[in-house]
Amino acid sequence: MTLNTAPLAELAPAKINLALHVTGRRDDGYHLLESLVVFAELGDRITVSTYETDSFAVDGRFVSDVPLDGGNLVLKARDALRAAFPGHARPVSIALEKNLPVASGIGGGSSDAAATLRALARLWRIPVGEAELARLALPLGADLPMCLAGRPLVARGIGEHLEPVEDFPALPTVLVNPGIAISTPDVFRALTRRDNPPLAALTHACDMFEWLAATRNDLEPAAMSIVPAVGEALDALRQTGAAFARMSGSGATCFGIFDSQAAAQRAADAIGSRQPGWFTAATKTMIQEPRR
């Protein structure tokens, strides 16, 4: 029996790396990155409510790919927040609606964990600011601070140094994943260079598409050497009219930016009909924090 009649829900939006430069490597093995990151209206959903005992349930399209034990980042986030604020924490029921493919370069697990932290901080009424929550989240994964921010930004370092990008436009976008998970460590091991040039400055005077065309995802060639279908996904986006297409994160999800939401939907429908086994979805990037 639930003890709270008002569950709290949080969107865990897909994270899209519009550009990702690998600029170095620390002595501890972590790679140094510079990335322009946006978040989509499409994502997973976390719902929390107080309960007699802790519980965790998953449903959605990709439920079979989600671990239900302590290795899940959602449960690690719950336990980290509870350990940091033991006086506030109570037993909690957590439900994850898993709509995004796993190990796909769009931050699904990290975004799920970030949404869990936001939701539980509200449920448990923990007086914690965004900066403190980000410090708590970083040991769980380098993507966690940016997923907590959930808005257009440039991430540097291993992902912990965040610079918000003001007035960034909402972008009609199609996400395509060829249905093959890629191990992020494998992609980094396949890199041939780790000291690439950083991002150029992004200013209001920049034409976005010109700026993007001069940037890279330094992980894309490495990922494509492991999973050639990444190239097929990029070709599908370009052939259906994407003004710009690139792989996100360590792959294998690719994104295409379109002139309008209608064009994005037509492209998603066309790709989905030709490749029914792929994950294909039209969405739009957000200009602010995730909507609840």
C-alpha atoms as a PDB file:
ATOM      1  CA  MET A   1       0.000   0.000   0.000  1.00  0.00           C
ATOM      2  CA  THR A   2       1.412   3.385  -0.997  1.00  0.00           C
ATOM      3  CA  LEU A   3       1.704   6.053   1.678  1.00  0.00           C
ATOM      4  CA  ASN A   4       1.653   9.036  -0.673  1.00  0.00           C
ATOM      5  CA  THR A   5      -1.322   9.738  -2.920  1.00  0.00           C
ATOM      6  CA  ALA A   6       0.618  12.233  -5.062  1.00  0.00           C
ATOM      7  CA  PRO A   7       3.497  10.546  -6.911  1.00  0.00           C
ATOM      8  CA  LEU A   8       6.088  12.875  -8.402  1.00  0.00           C
ATOM      9  CA  ALA A   9       7.204  12.459 -12.005  1.00  0.00           C
ATOM     10  CA  GLU A  10      10.277  13.744 -13.835  1.00  0.00           C
ATOM     11  CA  LEU A  11      11.199  13.572 -17.494  1.00  0.00           C
ATOM     12  CA  ALA A  12      14.607  11.989 -18.173  1.00  0.00           C
ATOM     13  CA  PRO A  13      15.280  13.561 -21.573  1.00  0.00           C
ATOM     14  CA  ALA A  14      17.556  12.180 -24.256  1.00  0.00           C
ATOM     15  CA  LYS A  15      20.919  13.954 -24.216  1.00  0.00           C
ATOM     16  CA  ILE A  16      22.270  14.925 -27.635  1.00  0.00           C
ATOM     17  CA  ASN A  17      25.922  15.830 -28.170  1.00  0.00           C
ATOM     18  CA  LEU A  18      25.731  18.217 -31.118  1.00  0.00           C
ATOM     19  CA  ALA A  19      29.532  18.368 -31.080  1.00  0.00           C
ATOM     20  CA  LEU A  20      32.025  16.359 -29.029  1.00  0.00           C
ATOM     21  CA  HIS A  21      35.780  17.016 -29.097  1.00  0.00           C
ATOM     22  CA  VAL A  22      38.245  14.796 -27.239  1.00  0.00           C
ATOM     23  CA  THR A  23      40.992  17.180 -26.149  1.00  0.00           C
ATOM     24  CA  GLY A  24      43.190  15.118 -23.817  1.00  0.00           C
ATOM     25  CA  ARG A  25      43.434  12.425 -21.199  1.00  0.00           C
ATOM     26  CA  ARG A  26      44.068  12.666 -17.462  1.00  0.00           C
ATOM     27  CA  ASP A  27      46.556  10.528 -15.599  1.00  0.00           C
ATOM     28  CA  ASP A  28      43.669   8.564 -14.065  1.00  0.00           C
ATOM     29  CA  GLY A  29      42.469   7.527 -17.533  1.00  0.00           C
ATOM     30  CA  TYR A  30      39.481   9.871 -17.824  1.00  0.00           C
ATOM     31  CA  HIS A  31      39.282  11.636 -21.174  1.00  0.00           C
ATOM     32  CA  LEU A  32      38.962  15.411 -21.369  1.00  0.00           C
ATOM     33  CA  LEU A  33      36.094  16.582 -23.533  1.00  0.00           C
ATOM     34  CA  GLU A  34      34.457  19.697 -24.899  1.00  0.00           C
ATOM     35  CA  SER A  35      30.864  19.157 -25.982  1.00  0.00           C
ATOM     36  CA  LEU A  36      27.865  21.206 -27.014  1.00  0.00           C
ATOM     37  CA  VAL A  37      24.934  19.410 -25.410  1.00  0.00           C
ATOM     38  CA  VAL A  38      21.179  19.792 -25.819  1.00  0.00           C
ATOM     39  CA  PHE A  39      18.254  17.766 -24.495  1.00  0.00           C
ATOM     40  CA  ALA A  40      15.211  16.434 -26.312  1.00  0.00           C
ATOM     41  CA  GLU A  41      11.535  16.532 -25.416  1.00  0.00           C
ATOM     42  CA  LEU A  42      11.644  12.745 -25.894  1.00  0.00           C
ATOM     43  CA  GLY A  43      12.909  10.659 -23.002  1.00  0.00           C
ATOM     44  CA  ASP A  44      12.347   8.174 -20.244  1.00  0.00           C
ATOM     45  CA  ARG A  45      10.166   9.011 -17.250  1.00  0.00           C
ATOM     46  CA  ILE A  46      10.812   8.537 -13.543  1.00  0.00           C
ATOM     47  CA  THR A  47       7.930   8.441 -11.044  1.00  0.00           C
ATOM     48  CA  VAL A  48       8.529   8.297  -7.283  1.00  0.00           C
ATOM     49  CA  SER A  49       6.282   7.997  -4.248  1.00  0.00           C
ATOM     50  CA  THR A  50       6.757   7.119  -0.592  1.00  0.00           C
ATOM     51  CA  TYR A  51       6.122   3.464   0.156  1.00  0.00           C
ATOM     52  CA  GLU A  52       6.344   0.936   2.986  1.00  0.00           C
ATOM     53  CA  THR A  53       9.579  -0.506   1.587  1.00  0.00           C
ATOM     54  CA  ASP A  54      11.917   0.395  -1.255  1.00  0.00           C
ATOM     55  CA  SER A  55      10.760  -0.901  -4.627  1.00  0.00           C
ATOM     56  CA  PHE A  56      11.820  -0.473  -8.250  1.00  0.00           C
ATOM     57  CA  ALA A  57       9.774  -1.303 -11.345  1.00  0.00           C
ATOM     58  CA  VAL A  58      10.459  -0.802 -15.045  1.00  0.00           C
ATOM     59  CA  ASP A  59       8.191  -0.802 -18.080  1.00  0.00           C
ATOM     60  CA  GLY A  60       8.351   0.640 -21.573  1.00  0.00           C
ATOM     61  CA  ARG A  61       9.767  -0.373 -24.931  1.00  0.00           C
ATOM     62  CA  PHE A  62      13.256  -1.210 -23.653  1.00  0.00           C
ATOM     63  CA  VAL A  63      12.312  -2.803 -20.329  1.00  0.00           C
ATOM     64  CA  SER A  64      14.145  -6.053 -21.126  1.00  0.00           C
ATOM     65  CA  ASP A  65      17.486  -4.229 -21.376  1.00  0.00           C
ATOM     66  CA  VAL A  66      17.349  -2.622 -17.930  1.00  0.00           C
ATOM     67  CA  PRO A  67      19.077  -4.231 -14.915  1.00  0.00           C
ATOM     68  CA  LEU A  68      16.889  -4.330 -11.817  1.00  0.00           C
ATOM     69  CA  ASP A  69      19.656  -4.758  -9.250  1.00  0.00           C
ATOM     70  CA  GLY A  70      22.057  -2.353  -7.559  1.00  0.00           C
ATOM     71  CA  GLY A  71      23.982  -1.895 -10.786  1.00  0.00           C
ATOM     72  CA  ASN A  72      21.223   0.332 -12.136  1.00  0.00           C
ATOM     73  CA  LEU A  73      22.095   4.021 -11.986  1.00  0.00           C
ATOM     74  CA  VAL A  74      18.592   4.855 -10.761  1.00  0.00           C
ATOM     75  CA  LEU A  75      19.160   2.818  -7.610  1.00  0.00           C
ATOM     76  CA  LYS A  76      22.704   4.162  -7.218  1.00  0.00           C
ATOM     77  CA  ALA A  77      21.280   7.691  -7.358  1.00  0.00           C
ATOM     78  CA  ARG A  78      18.648   6.842  -4.737  1.00  0.00           C
ATOM     79  CA  ASP A  79      21.266   5.343  -2.431  1.00  0.00           C
ATOM     80  CA  ALA A  80      23.714   8.239  -2.891  1.00  0.00           C
ATOM     81  CA  LEU A  81      21.071  10.837  -2.025  1.00  0.00           C
ATOM     82  CA  ARG A  82      19.902   8.780   0.952  1.00  0.00           C
ATOM     83  CA  ALA A  83      23.471   8.449   2.259  1.00  0.00           C
ATOM     84  CA  ALA A  84      24.056  12.193   1.907  1.00  0.00           C
ATOM     85  CA  PHE A  85      20.771  13.166   3.603  1.00  0.00           C
ATOM     86  CA  PRO A  86      19.797  10.258   5.868  1.00  0.00           C
ATOM     87  CA  GLY A  87      17.517  12.395   7.990  1.00  0.00           C
ATOM     88  CA  HIS A  88      15.260  13.169   5.028  1.00  0.00           C
ATOM     89  CA  ALA A  89      15.114   9.825   3.257  1.00  0.00           C
ATOM     90  CA  ARG A  90      12.160   7.452   3.558  1.00  0.00           C
ATOM     91  CA  PRO A  91      11.367   4.190   1.759  1.00  0.00           C
ATOM     92  CA  VAL A  92      10.399   4.947  -1.795  1.00  0.00           C
ATOM     93  CA  SER A  93       8.755   3.337  -4.809  1.00  0.00           C
ATOM     94  CA  ILE A  94      10.511   4.202  -8.078  1.00  0.00           C
ATOM     95  CA  ALA A  95       8.998   3.457 -11.488  1.00  0.00           C
ATOM     96  CA  LEU A  96      11.030   3.867 -14.675  1.00  0.00           C
ATOM     97  CA  GLU A  97       9.337   4.115 -18.060  1.00  0.00           C
ATOM     98  CA  LYS A  98      12.165   3.104 -20.400  1.00  0.00           C
ATOM     99  CA  ASN A  99      11.527   4.644 -23.819  1.00  0.00           C
ATOM    100  CA  LEU A 100      15.148   5.159 -24.946  1.00  0.00           C
ATOM    101  CA  PRO A 101      17.559   2.421 -26.026  1.00  0.00           C
ATOM    102  CA  VAL A 102      20.348   1.576 -23.594  1.00  0.00           C
ATOM    103  CA  ALA A 103      24.087   2.023 -24.259  1.00  0.00           C
ATOM    104  CA  SER A 104      23.162   4.289 -27.157  1.00  0.00           C
ATOM    105  CA  GLY A 105      25.033   7.574 -26.697  1.00  0.00           C
ATOM    106  CA  ILE A 106      22.068   9.692 -25.605  1.00  0.00           C
ATOM    107  CA  GLY A 107      22.617   9.515 -21.865  1.00  0.00           C
ATOM    108  CA  GLY A 108      19.664   7.276 -21.022  1.00  0.00           C
ATOM    109  CA  GLY A 109      21.017   5.831 -17.785  1.00  0.00           C
ATOM    110  CA  SER A 110      22.601   9.108 -16.700  1.00  0.00           C
ATOM    111  CA  SER A 111      19.442  11.055 -17.472  1.00  0.00           C
ATOM    112  CA  ASP A 112      17.386   8.469 -15.555  1.00  0.00           C
ATOM    113  CA  ALA A 113      19.673   8.904 -12.542  1.00  0.00           C
ATOM    114  CA  ALA A 114      19.514  12.700 -12.779  1.00  0.00           C
ATOM    115  CA  ALA A 115      15.721  12.606 -12.944  1.00  0.00           C
ATOM    116  CA  THR A 116      15.720  10.310  -9.911  1.00  0.00           C
ATOM    117  CA  LEU A 117      17.838  12.778  -7.944  1.00  0.00           C
ATOM    118  CA  ARG A 118      15.568  15.683  -8.891  1.00  0.00           C
ATOM    119  CA  ALA A 119      12.415  13.729  -8.063  1.00  0.00           C
ATOM    120  CA  LEU A 120      13.656  12.380  -4.740  1.00  0.00           C
ATOM    121  CA  ALA A 121      14.996  15.763  -3.652  1.00  0.00           C
ATOM    122  CA  ARG A 122      11.445  17.059  -4.140  1.00  0.00           C
ATOM    123  CA  LEU A 123       9.748  14.041  -2.550  1.00  0.00           C
ATOM    124  CA  TRP A 124      12.035  14.021   0.484  1.00  0.00           C
ATOM    125  CA  ARG A 125      12.020  17.829   0.672  1.00  0.00           C
ATOM    126  CA  ILE A 126      15.786  18.022   0.778  1.00  0.00           C
ATOM    127  CA  PRO A 127      17.150  21.593   0.840  1.00  0.00           C
ATOM    128  CA  VAL A 128      19.831  21.006  -1.791  1.00  0.00           C
ATOM    129  CA  GLY A 129      20.858  23.344  -4.597  1.00  0.00           C
ATOM    130  CA  GLU A 130      21.752  22.375  -8.158  1.00  0.00           C
ATOM    131  CA  ALA A 131      25.504  22.780  -7.603  1.00  0.00           C
ATOM    132  CA  GLU A 132      25.514  20.564  -4.508  1.00  0.00           C
ATOM    133  CA  LEU A 133      23.366  17.961  -6.261  1.00  0.00           C
ATOM    134  CA  ALA A 134      25.792  17.975  -9.196  1.00  0.00           C
ATOM    135  CA  ARG A 135      28.765  17.356  -6.875  1.00  0.00           C
ATOM    136  CA  LEU A 136      26.887  14.443  -5.336  1.00  0.00           C
ATOM    137  CA  ALA A 137      26.039  13.078  -8.794  1.00  0.00           C
ATOM    138  CA  LEU A 138      29.471  13.276 -10.434  1.00  0.00           C
ATOM    139  CA  PRO A 139      30.882  10.083  -8.845  1.00  0.00           C
ATOM    140  CA  LEU A 140      27.959   8.194 -10.418  1.00  0.00           C
ATOM    141  CA  GLY A 141      29.013   9.233 -13.928  1.00  0.00           C
ATOM    142  CA  ALA A 142      30.587  12.095 -15.842  1.00  0.00           C
ATOM    143  CA  ASP A 143      27.294  12.780 -17.686  1.00  0.00           C
ATOM    144  CA  LEU A 144      25.276  13.256 -14.506  1.00  0.00           C
ATOM    145  CA  PRO A 145      25.935  16.986 -13.895  1.00  0.00           C
ATOM    146  CA  MET A 146      24.943  17.955 -17.432  1.00  0.00           C
ATOM    147  CA  CYS A 147      21.844  15.738 -17.259  1.00  0.00           C
ATOM    148  CA  LEU A 148      20.887  17.426 -14.002  1.00  0.00           C
ATOM    149  CA  ALA A 149      21.171  20.816 -15.712  1.00  0.00           C
ATOM    150  CA  GLY A 150      18.965  19.607 -18.583  1.00  0.00           C
ATOM    151  CA  ARG A 151      19.422  22.669 -20.806  1.00  0.00           C
ATOM    152  CA  PRO A 152      21.677  23.746 -23.714  1.00  0.00           C
ATOM    153  CA  LEU A 153      25.258  23.959 -22.453  1.00  0.00           C
ATOM    154  CA  VAL A 154      28.915  23.434 -23.200  1.00  0.00           C
ATOM    155  CA  ALA A 155      30.496  20.746 -21.031  1.00  0.00           C
ATOM    156  CA  ARG A 156      34.240  20.618 -20.425  1.00  0.00           C
ATOM    157  CA  GLY A 157      36.686  18.579 -18.395  1.00  0.00           C
ATOM    158  CA  ILE A 158      35.273  15.100 -17.895  1.00  0.00           C
ATOM    159  CA  GLY A 159      31.820  16.669 -18.030  1.00  0.00           C
ATOM    160  CA  GLU A 160      31.738  18.518 -14.723  1.00  0.00           C
ATOM    161  CA  HIS A 161      32.470  22.069 -15.936  1.00  0.00           C
ATOM    162  CA  LEU A 162      29.265  23.431 -17.415  1.00  0.00           C
ATOM    163  CA  GLU A 163      28.655  26.675 -19.281  1.00  0.00           C
ATOM    164  CA  PRO A 164      24.993  27.406 -20.105  1.00  0.00           C
ATOM    165  CA  VAL A 165      24.280  28.509 -23.672  1.00  0.00           C
ATOM    166  CA  GLU A 166      21.679  31.253 -23.633  1.00  0.00           C
ATOM    167  CA  ASP A 167      19.003  31.725 -26.301  1.00  0.00           C
ATOM    168  CA  PHE A 168      19.824  28.490 -28.098  1.00  0.00           C
ATOM    169  CA  PRO A 169      17.045  27.592 -30.556  1.00  0.00           C
ATOM    170  CA  ALA A 170      14.775  24.569 -30.319  1.00  0.00           C
ATOM    171  CA  LEU A 171      15.763  22.172 -33.089  1.00  0.00           C
ATOM    172  CA  PRO A 172      13.414  19.789 -34.966  1.00  0.00           C
ATOM    173  CA  THR A 173      15.315  16.529 -34.639  1.00  0.00           C
ATOM    174  CA  VAL A 174      15.145  12.874 -35.596  1.00  0.00           C
ATOM    175  CA  LEU A 175      16.946  10.259 -33.499  1.00  0.00           C
ATOM    176  CA  VAL A 176      17.951   7.003 -35.173  1.00  0.00           C
ATOM    177  CA  ASN A 177      19.587   3.991 -33.534  1.00  0.00           C
ATOM    178  CA  PRO A 178      20.320   0.869 -35.629  1.00  0.00           C
ATOM    179  CA  GLY A 179      19.566  -1.419 -32.685  1.00  0.00           C
ATOM    180  CA  ILE A 180      23.138  -2.208 -31.693  1.00  0.00           C
ATOM    181  CA  ALA A 181      24.556  -1.264 -28.288  1.00  0.00           C
ATOM    182  CA  ILE A 182      28.111   0.074 -28.225  1.00  0.00           C
ATOM    183  CA  SER A 183      30.394  -0.086 -25.202  1.00  0.00           C
ATOM    184  CA  THR A 184      31.684   3.401 -24.400  1.00  0.00           C
ATOM    185  CA  PRO A 185      35.047   2.071 -23.123  1.00  0.00           C
ATOM    186  CA  ASP A 186      35.462   0.142 -26.389  1.00  0.00           C
ATOM    187  CA  VAL A 187      34.905   3.329 -28.384  1.00  0.00           C
ATOM    188  CA  PHE A 188      37.465   5.276 -26.372  1.00  0.00           C
ATOM    189  CA  ARG A 189      39.972   2.442 -26.749  1.00  0.00           C
ATOM    190  CA  ALA A 190      39.500   2.599 -30.514  1.00  0.00           C
ATOM    191  CA  LEU A 191      40.450   6.294 -30.688  1.00  0.00           C
ATOM    192  CA  THR A 192      43.526   6.991 -32.778  1.00  0.00           C
ATOM    193  CA  ARG A 193      44.056  10.477 -31.307  1.00  0.00           C
ATOM    194  CA  ARG A 194      43.194  11.985 -27.920  1.00  0.00           C
ATOM    195  CA  ASP A 195      44.641  15.506 -28.187  1.00  0.00           C
ATOM    196  CA  ASN A 196      42.294  17.114 -30.684  1.00  0.00           C
ATOM    197  CA  PRO A 197      41.604  20.872 -30.991  1.00  0.00           C
ATOM    198  CA  PRO A 198      38.896  22.286 -28.687  1.00  0.00           C
ATOM    199  CA  LEU A 199      35.569  23.767 -29.739  1.00  0.00           C
ATOM    200  CA  ALA A 200      35.564  27.176 -31.352  1.00  0.00           C
ATOM    201  CA  ALA A 201      33.775  29.909 -29.414  1.00  0.00           C
ATOM    202  CA  LEU A 202      30.011  29.866 -29.893  1.00  0.00           C
ATOM    203  CA  THR A 203      28.584  33.375 -29.979  1.00  0.00           C
ATOM    204  CA  HIS A 204      25.260  34.907 -30.950  1.00  0.00           C
ATOM    205  CA  ALA A 205      26.896  36.066 -34.187  1.00  0.00           C
ATOM    206  CA  CYS A 206      27.614  32.475 -35.244  1.00  0.00           C
ATOM    207  CA  ASP A 207      25.524  30.782 -37.881  1.00  0.00           C
ATOM    208  CA  MET A 208      24.667  27.555 -36.089  1.00  0.00           C
ATOM    209  CA  PHE A 209      24.966  25.246 -39.081  1.00  0.00           C
ATOM    210  CA  GLU A 210      28.261  26.804 -40.179  1.00  0.00           C
ATOM    211  CA  TRP A 211      29.552  26.469 -36.630  1.00  0.00           C
ATOM    212  CA  LEU A 212      28.432  22.837 -36.384  1.00  0.00           C
ATOM    213  CA  ALA A 213      29.975  22.018 -39.753  1.00  0.00           C
ATOM    214  CA  ALA A 214      33.343  23.149 -38.382  1.00  0.00           C
ATOM    215  CA  THR A 215      33.022  20.890 -35.320  1.00  0.00           C
ATOM    216  CA  ARG A 216      33.299  17.129 -34.900  1.00  0.00           C
ATOM    217  CA  ASN A 217      32.308  14.148 -32.860  1.00  0.00           C
ATOM    218  CA  ASP A 218      35.754  12.677 -32.339  1.00  0.00           C
ATOM    219  CA  LEU A 219      34.170   9.399 -31.227  1.00  0.00           C
ATOM    220  CA  GLU A 220      32.241   8.891 -34.467  1.00  0.00           C
ATOM    221  CA  PRO A 221      35.019   7.265 -36.567  1.00  0.00           C
ATOM    222  CA  ALA A 222      35.941   4.947 -33.681  1.00  0.00           C
ATOM    223  CA  ALA A 223      32.309   3.921 -33.141  1.00  0.00           C
ATOM    224  CA  MET A 224      31.804   3.370 -36.857  1.00  0.00           C
ATOM    225  CA  SER A 225      34.826   1.052 -36.933  1.00  0.00           C
ATOM    226  CA  ILE A 226      33.075  -1.093 -34.303  1.00  0.00           C
ATOM    227  CA  VAL A 227      29.511  -0.786 -35.616  1.00  0.00           C
ATOM    228  CA  PRO A 228      29.411   0.114 -39.341  1.00  0.00           C
ATOM    229  CA  ALA A 229      25.628   0.505 -39.088  1.00  0.00           C
ATOM    230  CA  VAL A 230      26.288   3.943 -37.587  1.00  0.00           C
ATOM    231  CA  GLY A 231      27.155   5.033 -41.105  1.00  0.00           C
ATOM    232  CA  GLU A 232      23.908   3.540 -42.402  1.00  0.00           C
ATOM    233  CA  ALA A 233      21.924   5.551 -39.842  1.00  0.00           C
ATOM    234  CA  LEU A 234      23.707   8.754 -40.852  1.00  0.00           C
ATOM    235  CA  ASP A 235      23.046   8.029 -44.529  1.00  0.00           C
ATOM    236  CA  ALA A 236      19.346   7.451 -43.791  1.00  0.00           C
ATOM    237  CA  LEU A 237      19.066  10.831 -42.081  1.00  0.00           C
ATOM    238  CA  ARG A 238      20.823  12.671 -44.895  1.00  0.00           C
ATOM    239  CA  GLN A 239      18.777  10.911 -47.573  1.00  0.00           C
ATOM    240  CA  THR A 240      15.535  11.996 -45.894  1.00  0.00           C
ATOM    241  CA  GLY A 241      16.489  15.669 -45.855  1.00  0.00           C
ATOM    242  CA  ALA A 242      18.464  16.365 -42.679  1.00  0.00           C
ATOM    243  CA  ALA A 243      20.195  19.728 -42.824  1.00  0.00           C
ATOM    244  CA  PHE A 244      22.833  18.283 -40.507  1.00  0.00           C
ATOM    245  CA  ALA A 245      23.492  14.762 -39.222  1.00  0.00           C
ATOM    246  CA  ARG A 246      25.972  13.348 -36.739  1.00  0.00           C
ATOM    247  CA  MET A 247      26.388  10.604 -34.150  1.00  0.00           C
ATOM    248  CA  SER A 248      25.653  11.526 -30.526  1.00  0.00           C
ATOM    249  CA  GLY A 249      28.031  10.649 -27.696  1.00  0.00           C
ATOM    250  CA  SER A 250      29.724   7.288 -28.128  1.00  0.00           C
ATOM    251  CA  GLY A 251      26.879   6.000 -30.338  1.00  0.00           C
ATOM    252  CA  ALA A 252      25.221   4.265 -31.880  1.00  0.00           C
ATOM    253  CA  THR A 253      22.351   6.797 -31.867  1.00  0.00           C
ATOM    254  CA  CYS A 254      22.588   9.431 -34.588  1.00  0.00           C
ATOM    255  CA  PHE A 255      20.619  12.645 -34.911  1.00  0.00           C
ATOM    256  CA  GLY A 256      19.466  14.725 -37.822  1.00  0.00           C
ATOM    257  CA  ILE A 257      18.386  18.365 -37.646  1.00  0.00           C
ATOM    258  CA  PHE A 258      15.514  19.328 -39.938  1.00  0.00           C
ATOM    259  CA  ASP A 259      13.995  22.567 -41.198  1.00  0.00           C
ATOM    260  CA  SER A 260      10.645  21.964 -39.499  1.00  0.00           C
ATOM    261  CA  GLN A 261       8.896  19.568 -37.155  1.00  0.00           C
ATOM    262  CA  ALA A 262       6.750  18.339 -40.027  1.00  0.00           C
ATOM    263  CA  ALA A 263       9.863  17.521 -42.070  1.00  0.00           C
ATOM    264  CA  ALA A 264      11.348  15.715 -39.075  1.00  0.00           C
ATOM    265  CA  GLN A 265       8.210  13.616 -38.655  1.00  0.00           C
ATOM    266  CA  ARG A 266       8.126  12.722 -42.353  1.00  0.00           C
ATOM    267  CA  ALA A 267      11.760  11.640 -42.189  1.00  0.00           C
ATOM    268  CA  ALA A 268      11.179   9.540 -39.069  1.00  0.00           C
ATOM    269  CA  ASP A 269       8.190   7.862 -40.697  1.00  0.00           C
ATOM    270  CA  ALA A 270      10.194   7.121 -43.849  1.00  0.00           C
ATOM    271  CA  ILE A 271      13.193   5.697 -41.988  1.00  0.00           C
ATOM    272  CA  GLY A 272      10.976   3.707 -39.646  1.00  0.00           C
ATOM    273  CA  SER A 273       9.091   2.121 -42.546  1.00  0.00           C
ATOM    274  CA  ARG A 274      12.343   1.088 -44.254  1.00  0.00           C
ATOM    275  CA  GLN A 275      14.054  -0.047 -41.060  1.00  0.00           C
ATOM    276  CA  PRO A 276      11.353  -1.321 -38.674  1.00  0.00           C
ATOM    277  CA  GLY A 277      13.955  -2.897 -36.393  1.00  0.00           C
ATOM    278  CA  TRP A 278      15.647   0.434 -35.720  1.00  0.00           C
ATOM    279  CA  PHE A 279      14.738   2.943 -33.022  1.00  0.00           C
ATOM    280  CA  THR A 280      13.534   6.023 -34.891  1.00  0.00           C
ATOM    281  CA  ALA A 281      11.770   9.017 -33.368  1.00  0.00           C
ATOM    282  CA  ALA A 282      10.996  12.617 -34.272  1.00  0.00           C
ATOM    283  CA  THR A 283      11.376  15.073 -31.426  1.00  0.00           C
ATOM    284  CA  LYS A 284      12.480  18.630 -30.656  1.00  0.00           C
ATOM    285  CA  THR A 285      15.263  19.914 -28.443  1.00  0.00           C
ATOM    286  CA  MET A 286      14.361  21.844 -25.325  1.00  0.00           C
ATOM    287  CA  ILE A 287      15.508  25.350 -24.509  1.00  0.00           C
ATOM    288  CA  GLN A 288      15.115  25.015 -20.737  1.00  0.00           C
ATOM    289  CA  GLU A 289      15.121  22.443 -17.963  1.00  0.00           C
ATOM    290  CA  PRO A 290      13.105  19.218 -18.432  1.00  0.00           C
ATOM    291  CA  ARG A 291       9.372  19.602 -18.084  1.00  0.00           C
ATOM    292  CA  ARG A 292       7.734  17.555 -15.340  1.00  0.00           C
END
